[in-house]
Each structure stands twice: as structure tokens, then as C-alpha cells.
Amino acid sequence: MVKKSNKLTPHERVTWEILKNSRRELSTSEIANFGNMSWSTTKKSLNKLYNKRKTLHTKKKGNSRMWYLK
């Protein structure tokens, strides 16, 4: 049986801190730039956080997906 871990990876932790300190919604590209990570790594981290945490929310804005905490 495989246990699910609620611990955050280093990339998830950076992504979470960026969103926590932000005062507005951020796109995946903005989070990647602030965290000095690639877009694809940021996207994976955001999707994992979205599935783990109920306070992370997302919405579509044009062609971008905006991420924010509630």
C-alpha cells in the first residue's frame, strides 16, 4: 500500500510562498518568473498543489490560467 504524503516538494514550497505573498492573481508564467523555474515545472507544481490544498483556486482569463489563494 502506497502512502500519500502531504509534504511539499521544494518546487511546490516555492510556488506556495509566491502565491501566499502575492496580493493579486498570478498566471503560471508570472509564478515561473518569480520562482526562477521553468513553465512546465511550475505547471506541475501548481496542479499538485491544487489537488492537495483546498485553498488554491484557479480561473481562466483569456488564454491564461490565473492562480490565487483564498
PDB file of N, CA and C in Angstrom:
ATOM      1  N   MET A   1       0.849  -1.183   0.000  1.00  0.00           N
ATOM      2  CA  MET A   1       0.000   0.000   0.000  1.00  0.00           C
ATOM      3  C   MET A   1       0.892   1.242   0.000  1.00  0.00           C
ATOM      4  N   VAL A   2       0.610   2.161  -0.897  1.00  0.00           N
ATOM      5  CA  VAL A   2       1.396   3.384  -1.017  1.00  0.00           C
ATOM      6  C   VAL A   2       0.730   4.494  -0.204  1.00  0.00           C
ATOM      7  N   LYS A   3       1.528   5.143   0.632  1.00  0.00           N
ATOM      8  CA  LYS A   3       1.002   6.242   1.446  1.00  0.00           C
ATOM      9  C   LYS A   3       1.117   7.552   0.680  1.00  0.00           C
ATOM     10  N   LYS A   4       0.108   8.360   0.759  1.00  0.00           N
ATOM     11  CA  LYS A   4       0.168   9.696   0.179  1.00  0.00           C
ATOM     12  C   LYS A   4       0.797  10.640   1.194  1.00  0.00           C
ATOM     13  N   SER A   5       1.744  11.422   0.723  1.00  0.00           N
ATOM     14  CA  SER A   5       2.417  12.360   1.609  1.00  0.00           C
ATOM     15  C   SER A   5       1.866  13.760   1.395  1.00  0.00           C
ATOM     16  N   ASN A   6       1.620  14.462   2.484  1.00  0.00           N
ATOM     17  CA  ASN A   6       1.146  15.842   2.392  1.00  0.00           C
ATOM     18  C   ASN A   6       2.305  16.835   2.403  1.00  0.00           C
ATOM     19  N   LYS A   7       3.535  16.326   2.477  1.00  0.00           N
ATOM     20  CA  LYS A   7       4.689  17.207   2.468  1.00  0.00           C
ATOM     21  C   LYS A   7       4.858  17.816   1.083  1.00  0.00           C
ATOM     22  N   LEU A   8       5.329  19.045   1.071  1.00  0.00           N
ATOM     23  CA  LEU A   8       5.533  19.745  -0.188  1.00  0.00           C
ATOM     24  C   LEU A   8       6.947  19.520  -0.701  1.00  0.00           C
ATOM     25  N   THR A   9       7.071  19.396  -2.018  1.00  0.00           N
ATOM     26  CA  THR A   9       8.393  19.335  -2.637  1.00  0.00           C
ATOM     27  C   THR A   9       8.979  20.743  -2.626  1.00  0.00           C
ATOM     28  N   PRO A  10      10.282  20.884  -2.865  1.00  0.00           N
ATOM     29  CA  PRO A  10      10.876  22.232  -2.902  1.00  0.00           C
ATOM     30  C   PRO A  10      10.204  23.157  -3.916  1.00  0.00           C
ATOM     31  N   HIS A  11       9.864  22.639  -5.091  1.00  0.00           N
ATOM     32  CA  HIS A  11       9.200  23.471  -6.100  1.00  0.00           C
ATOM     33  C   HIS A  11       7.800  23.876  -5.661  1.00  0.00           C
ATOM     34  N   GLU A  12       7.083  22.948  -5.042  1.00  0.00           N
ATOM     35  CA  GLU A  12       5.747  23.266  -4.537  1.00  0.00           C
ATOM     36  C   GLU A  12       5.824  24.304  -3.431  1.00  0.00           C
ATOM     37  N   ARG A  13       6.848  24.194  -2.574  1.00  0.00           N
ATOM     38  CA  ARG A  13       7.012  25.148  -1.477  1.00  0.00           C
ATOM     39  C   ARG A  13       7.269  26.559  -2.022  1.00  0.00           C
ATOM     40  N   VAL A  14       8.136  26.664  -3.034  1.00  0.00           N
ATOM     41  CA  VAL A  14       8.422  27.977  -3.649  1.00  0.00           C
ATOM     42  C   VAL A  14       7.157  28.541  -4.284  1.00  0.00           C
ATOM     43  N   THR A  15       6.453  27.700  -5.012  1.00  0.00           N
ATOM     44  CA  THR A  15       5.207  28.126  -5.668  1.00  0.00           C
ATOM     45  C   THR A  15       4.194  28.603  -4.637  1.00  0.00           C
ATOM     46  N   TRP A  16       4.037  27.851  -3.546  1.00  0.00           N
ATOM     47  CA  TRP A  16       3.097  28.207  -2.479  1.00  0.00           C
ATOM     48  C   TRP A  16       3.458  29.550  -1.857  1.00  0.00           C
ATOM     49  N   GLU A  17       4.744  29.775  -1.575  1.00  0.00           N
ATOM     50  CA  GLU A  17       5.204  31.029  -0.969  1.00  0.00           C
ATOM     51  C   GLU A  17       4.953  32.218  -1.901  1.00  0.00           C
ATOM     52  N   ILE A  18       5.172  32.034  -3.184  1.00  0.00           N
ATOM     53  CA  ILE A  18       4.912  33.116  -4.146  1.00  0.00           C
ATOM     54  C   ILE A  18       3.436  33.493  -4.121  1.00  0.00           C
ATOM     55  N   LEU A  19       2.565  32.494  -4.155  1.00  0.00           N
ATOM     56  CA  LEU A  19       1.125  32.770  -4.129  1.00  0.00           C
ATOM     57  C   LEU A  19       0.694  33.375  -2.798  1.00  0.00           C
ATOM     58  N   LYS A  20       1.268  32.892  -1.705  1.00  0.00           N
ATOM     59  CA  LYS A  20       0.911  33.387  -0.377  1.00  0.00           C
ATOM     60  C   LYS A  20       1.284  34.862  -0.223  1.00  0.00           C
ATOM     61  N   ASN A  21       2.403  35.270  -0.798  1.00  0.00           N
ATOM     62  CA  ASN A  21       2.875  36.648  -0.675  1.00  0.00           C
ATOM     63  C   ASN A  21       2.321  37.581  -1.749  1.00  0.00           C
ATOM     64  N   SER A  22       1.585  37.032  -2.693  1.00  0.00           N
ATOM     65  CA  SER A  22       1.023  37.842  -3.776  1.00  0.00           C
ATOM     66  C   SER A  22      -0.276  38.504  -3.325  1.00  0.00           C
ATOM     67  N   ARG A  23      -0.494  39.682  -3.817  1.00  0.00           N
ATOM     68  CA  ARG A  23      -1.741  40.399  -3.481  1.00  0.00           C
ATOM     69  C   ARG A  23      -2.752  40.362  -4.618  1.00  0.00           C
ATOM     70  N   ARG A  24      -2.403  39.628  -5.675  1.00  0.00           N
ATOM     71  CA  ARG A  24      -3.300  39.524  -6.825  1.00  0.00           C
ATOM     72  C   ARG A  24      -3.177  38.144  -7.446  1.00  0.00           C
ATOM     73  N   GLU A  25      -4.028  37.866  -8.398  1.00  0.00           N
ATOM     74  CA  GLU A  25      -3.960  36.599  -9.118  1.00  0.00           C
ATOM     75  C   GLU A  25      -2.713  36.605  -9.991  1.00  0.00           C
ATOM     76  N   LEU A  26      -2.081  35.450 -10.124  1.00  0.00           N
ATOM     77  CA  LEU A  26      -0.878  35.334 -10.944  1.00  0.00           C
ATOM     78  C   LEU A  26      -1.058  34.242 -11.989  1.00  0.00           C
ATOM     79  N   SER A  27      -0.490  34.464 -13.160  1.00  0.00           N
ATOM     80  CA  SER A  27      -0.508  33.437 -14.195  1.00  0.00           C
ATOM     81  C   SER A  27       0.623  32.451 -13.936  1.00  0.00           C
ATOM     82  N   THR A  28       0.582  31.327 -14.615  1.00  0.00           N
ATOM     83  CA  THR A  28       1.630  30.319 -14.480  1.00  0.00           C
ATOM     84  C   THR A  28       2.982  30.910 -14.868  1.00  0.00           C
ATOM     85  N   SER A  29       3.027  31.707 -15.911  1.00  0.00           N
ATOM     86  CA  SER A  29       4.275  32.328 -16.366  1.00  0.00           C
ATOM     87  C   SER A  29       4.836  33.288 -15.337  1.00  0.00           C
ATOM     88  N   GLU A  30       3.974  34.071 -14.712  1.00  0.00           N
ATOM     89  CA  GLU A  30       4.435  35.004 -13.678  1.00  0.00           C
ATOM     90  C   GLU A  30       5.030  34.258 -12.488  1.00  0.00           C
ATOM     91  N   ILE A  31       4.371  33.187 -12.075  1.00  0.00           N
ATOM     92  CA  ILE A  31       4.874  32.400 -10.954  1.00  0.00           C
ATOM     93  C   ILE A  31       6.219  31.777 -11.322  1.00  0.00           C
ATOM     94  N   ALA A  32       6.326  31.285 -12.550  1.00  0.00           N
ATOM     95  CA  ALA A  32       7.592  30.698 -13.016  1.00  0.00           C
ATOM     96  C   ALA A  32       8.708  31.739 -12.998  1.00  0.00           C
ATOM     97  N   ASN A  33       8.413  32.951 -13.444  1.00  0.00           N
ATOM     98  CA  ASN A  33       9.427  34.012 -13.453  1.00  0.00           C
ATOM     99  C   ASN A  33       9.842  34.400 -12.036  1.00  0.00           C
ATOM    100  N   PHE A  34       8.878  34.565 -11.144  1.00  0.00           N
ATOM    101  CA  PHE A  34       9.189  34.942  -9.755  1.00  0.00           C
ATOM    102  C   PHE A  34       9.997  33.849  -9.052  1.00  0.00           C
ATOM    103  N   GLY A  35       9.704  32.599  -9.355  1.00  0.00           N
ATOM    104  CA  GLY A  35      10.370  31.487  -8.692  1.00  0.00           C
ATOM    105  C   GLY A  35      11.610  30.989  -9.402  1.00  0.00           C
ATOM    106  N   ASN A  36      11.925  31.612 -10.544  1.00  0.00           N
ATOM    107  CA  ASN A  36      13.095  31.211 -11.326  1.00  0.00           C
ATOM    108  C   ASN A  36      13.022  29.720 -11.684  1.00  0.00           C
ATOM    109  N   MET A  37      11.826  29.292 -12.142  1.00  0.00           N
ATOM    110  CA  MET A  37      11.588  27.906 -12.531  1.00  0.00           C
ATOM    111  C   MET A  37      11.090  27.897 -13.969  1.00  0.00           C
ATOM    112  N   SER A  38      11.130  26.734 -14.593  1.00  0.00           N
ATOM    113  CA  SER A  38      10.577  26.616 -15.942  1.00  0.00           C
ATOM    114  C   SER A  38       9.045  26.621 -15.854  1.00  0.00           C
ATOM    115  N   TRP A  39       8.416  26.947 -16.969  1.00  0.00           N
ATOM    116  CA  TRP A  39       6.958  26.992 -17.011  1.00  0.00           C
ATOM    117  C   TRP A  39       6.376  25.610 -16.727  1.00  0.00           C
ATOM    118  N   SER A  40       6.967  24.570 -17.317  1.00  0.00           N
ATOM    119  CA  SER A  40       6.406  23.224 -17.156  1.00  0.00           C
ATOM    120  C   SER A  40       6.540  22.720 -15.707  1.00  0.00           C
ATOM    121  N   THR A  41       7.657  23.027 -15.061  1.00  0.00           N
ATOM    122  CA  THR A  41       7.834  22.644 -13.657  1.00  0.00           C
ATOM    123  C   THR A  41       6.816  23.370 -12.783  1.00  0.00           C
ATOM    124  N   THR A  42       6.611  24.647 -13.064  1.00  0.00           N
ATOM    125  CA  THR A  42       5.635  25.440 -12.319  1.00  0.00           C
ATOM    126  C   THR A  42       4.230  24.889 -12.508  1.00  0.00           C
ATOM    127  N   LYS A  43       3.887  24.538 -13.731  1.00  0.00           N
ATOM    128  CA  LYS A  43       2.563  23.994 -14.028  1.00  0.00           C
ATOM    129  C   LYS A  43       2.330  22.692 -13.263  1.00  0.00           C
ATOM    130  N   LYS A  44       3.341  21.814 -13.234  1.00  0.00           N
ATOM    131  CA  LYS A  44       3.221  20.553 -12.489  1.00  0.00           C
ATOM    132  C   LYS A  44       3.033  20.826 -10.997  1.00  0.00           C
ATOM    133  N   SER A  45       3.812  21.765 -10.468  1.00  0.00           N
ATOM    134  CA  SER A  45       3.704  22.099  -9.044  1.00  0.00           C
ATOM    135  C   SER A  45       2.330  22.660  -8.716  1.00  0.00           C
ATOM    136  N   LEU A  46       1.823  23.528  -9.575  1.00  0.00           N
ATOM    137  CA  LEU A  46       0.502  24.122  -9.353  1.00  0.00           C
ATOM    138  C   LEU A  46      -0.588  23.056  -9.383  1.00  0.00           C
ATOM    139  N   ASN A  47      -0.507  22.142 -10.329  1.00  0.00           N
ATOM    140  CA  ASN A  47      -1.515  21.082 -10.409  1.00  0.00           C
ATOM    141  C   ASN A  47      -1.473  20.179  -9.182  1.00  0.00           C
ATOM    142  N   LYS A  48      -0.279  19.847  -8.698  1.00  0.00           N
ATOM    143  CA  LYS A  48      -0.166  19.026  -7.489  1.00  0.00           C
ATOM    144  C   LYS A  48      -0.710  19.774  -6.279  1.00  0.00           C
ATOM    145  N   LEU A  49      -0.374  21.056  -6.163  1.00  0.00           N
ATOM    146  CA  LEU A  49      -0.885  21.861  -5.048  1.00  0.00           C
ATOM    147  C   LEU A  49      -2.403  21.985  -5.115  1.00  0.00           C
ATOM    148  N   TYR A  50      -2.925  22.157  -6.308  1.00  0.00           N
ATOM    149  CA  TYR A  50      -4.372  22.287  -6.499  1.00  0.00           C
ATOM    150  C   TYR A  50      -5.084  21.026  -5.994  1.00  0.00           C
ATOM    151  N   ASN A  51      -4.479  19.869  -6.237  1.00  0.00           N
ATOM    152  CA  ASN A  51      -5.089  18.605  -5.793  1.00  0.00           C
ATOM    153  C   ASN A  51      -4.904  18.371  -4.294  1.00  0.00           C
ATOM    154  N   LYS A  52      -3.843  18.922  -3.693  1.00  0.00           N
ATOM    155  CA  LYS A  52      -3.568  18.732  -2.267  1.00  0.00           C
ATOM    156  C   LYS A  52      -4.288  19.742  -1.381  1.00  0.00           C
ATOM    157  N   ARG A  53      -4.359  20.983  -1.830  1.00  0.00           N
ATOM    158  CA  ARG A  53      -4.840  22.084  -0.988  1.00  0.00           C
ATOM    159  C   ARG A  53      -6.180  22.604  -1.479  1.00  0.00           C
ATOM    160  N   LYS A  54      -7.078  22.828  -0.557  1.00  0.00           N
ATOM    161  CA  LYS A  54      -8.406  23.340  -0.915  1.00  0.00           C
ATOM    162  C   LYS A  54      -8.424  24.868  -0.995  1.00  0.00           C
ATOM    163  N   THR A  55      -7.342  25.533  -0.571  1.00  0.00           N
ATOM    164  CA  THR A  55      -7.322  26.997  -0.588  1.00  0.00           C
ATOM    165  C   THR A  55      -6.765  27.566  -1.881  1.00  0.00           C
ATOM    166  N   LEU A  56      -6.195  26.719  -2.751  1.00  0.00           N
ATOM    167  CA  LEU A  56      -5.673  27.186  -4.037  1.00  0.00           C
ATOM    168  C   LEU A  56      -6.789  27.133  -5.067  1.00  0.00           C
ATOM    169  N   HIS A  57      -7.012  28.252  -5.726  1.00  0.00           N
ATOM    170  CA  HIS A  57      -8.081  28.353  -6.717  1.00  0.00           C
ATOM    171  C   HIS A  57      -7.515  28.822  -8.044  1.00  0.00           C
ATOM    172  N   THR A  58      -8.259  28.552  -9.102  1.00  0.00           N
ATOM    173  CA  THR A  58      -7.830  28.932 -10.437  1.00  0.00           C
ATOM    174  C   THR A  58      -9.029  29.395 -11.260  1.00  0.00           C
ATOM    175  N   LYS A  59      -8.743  30.223 -12.241  1.00  0.00           N
ATOM    176  CA  LYS A  59      -9.787  30.621 -13.187  1.00  0.00           C
ATOM    177  C   LYS A  59      -9.126  30.995 -14.509  1.00  0.00           C
ATOM    178  N   LYS A  60      -9.895  30.865 -15.585  1.00  0.00           N
ATOM    179  CA  LYS A  60      -9.399  31.200 -16.913  1.00  0.00           C
ATOM    180  C   LYS A  60      -9.587  32.686 -17.154  1.00  0.00           C
ATOM    181  N   LYS A  61      -8.570  33.313 -17.740  1.00  0.00           N
ATOM    182  CA  LYS A  61      -8.664  34.706 -18.122  1.00  0.00           C
ATOM    183  C   LYS A  61      -8.033  34.827 -19.505  1.00  0.00           C
ATOM    184  N   GLY A  62      -8.870  34.835 -20.535  1.00  0.00           N
ATOM    185  CA  GLY A  62      -8.356  34.802 -21.896  1.00  0.00           C
ATOM    186  C   GLY A  62      -7.697  33.462 -22.152  1.00  0.00           C
ATOM    187  N   ASN A  63      -6.449  33.487 -22.596  1.00  0.00           N
ATOM    188  CA  ASN A  63      -5.705  32.245 -22.823  1.00  0.00           C
ATOM    189  C   ASN A  63      -4.903  31.816 -21.593  1.00  0.00           C
ATOM    190  N   SER A  64      -4.933  32.596 -20.539  1.00  0.00           N
ATOM    191  CA  SER A  64      -4.127  32.316 -19.346  1.00  0.00           C
ATOM    192  C   SER A  64      -4.973  31.695 -18.246  1.00  0.00           C
ATOM    193  N   ARG A  65      -4.328  30.936 -17.407  1.00  0.00           N
ATOM    194  CA  ARG A  65      -4.949  30.425 -16.193  1.00  0.00           C
ATOM    195  C   ARG A  65      -4.375  31.207 -15.043  1.00  0.00           C
ATOM    196  N   MET A  66      -5.251  31.825 -14.257  1.00  0.00           N
ATOM    197  CA  MET A  66      -4.831  32.648 -13.126  1.00  0.00           C
ATOM    198  C   MET A  66      -4.984  31.840 -11.840  1.00  0.00           C
ATOM    199  N   TRP A  67      -3.992  31.939 -10.961  1.00  0.00           N
ATOM    200  CA  TRP A  67      -3.954  31.195  -9.702  1.00  0.00           C
ATOM    201  C   TRP A  67      -3.991  32.162  -8.539  1.00  0.00           C
ATOM    202  N   TYR A  68      -4.709  31.785  -7.478  1.00  0.00           N
ATOM    203  CA  TYR A  68      -4.806  32.616  -6.289  1.00  0.00           C
ATOM    204  C   TYR A  68      -5.192  31.785  -5.080  1.00  0.00           C
ATOM    205  N   LEU A  69      -4.923  32.325  -3.901  1.00  0.00           N
ATOM    206  CA  LEU A  69      -5.276  31.666  -2.646  1.00  0.00           C
ATOM    207  C   LEU A  69      -6.460  32.360  -2.012  1.00  0.00           C
ATOM    208  N   LYS A  70      -7.297  31.612  -1.348  1.00  0.00           N
ATOM    209  CA  LYS A  70      -8.419  32.187  -0.598  1.00  0.00           C
ATOM    210  C   LYS A  70      -8.248  31.889   0.849  1.00  0.00           C
TER     211      LYS A  70
END
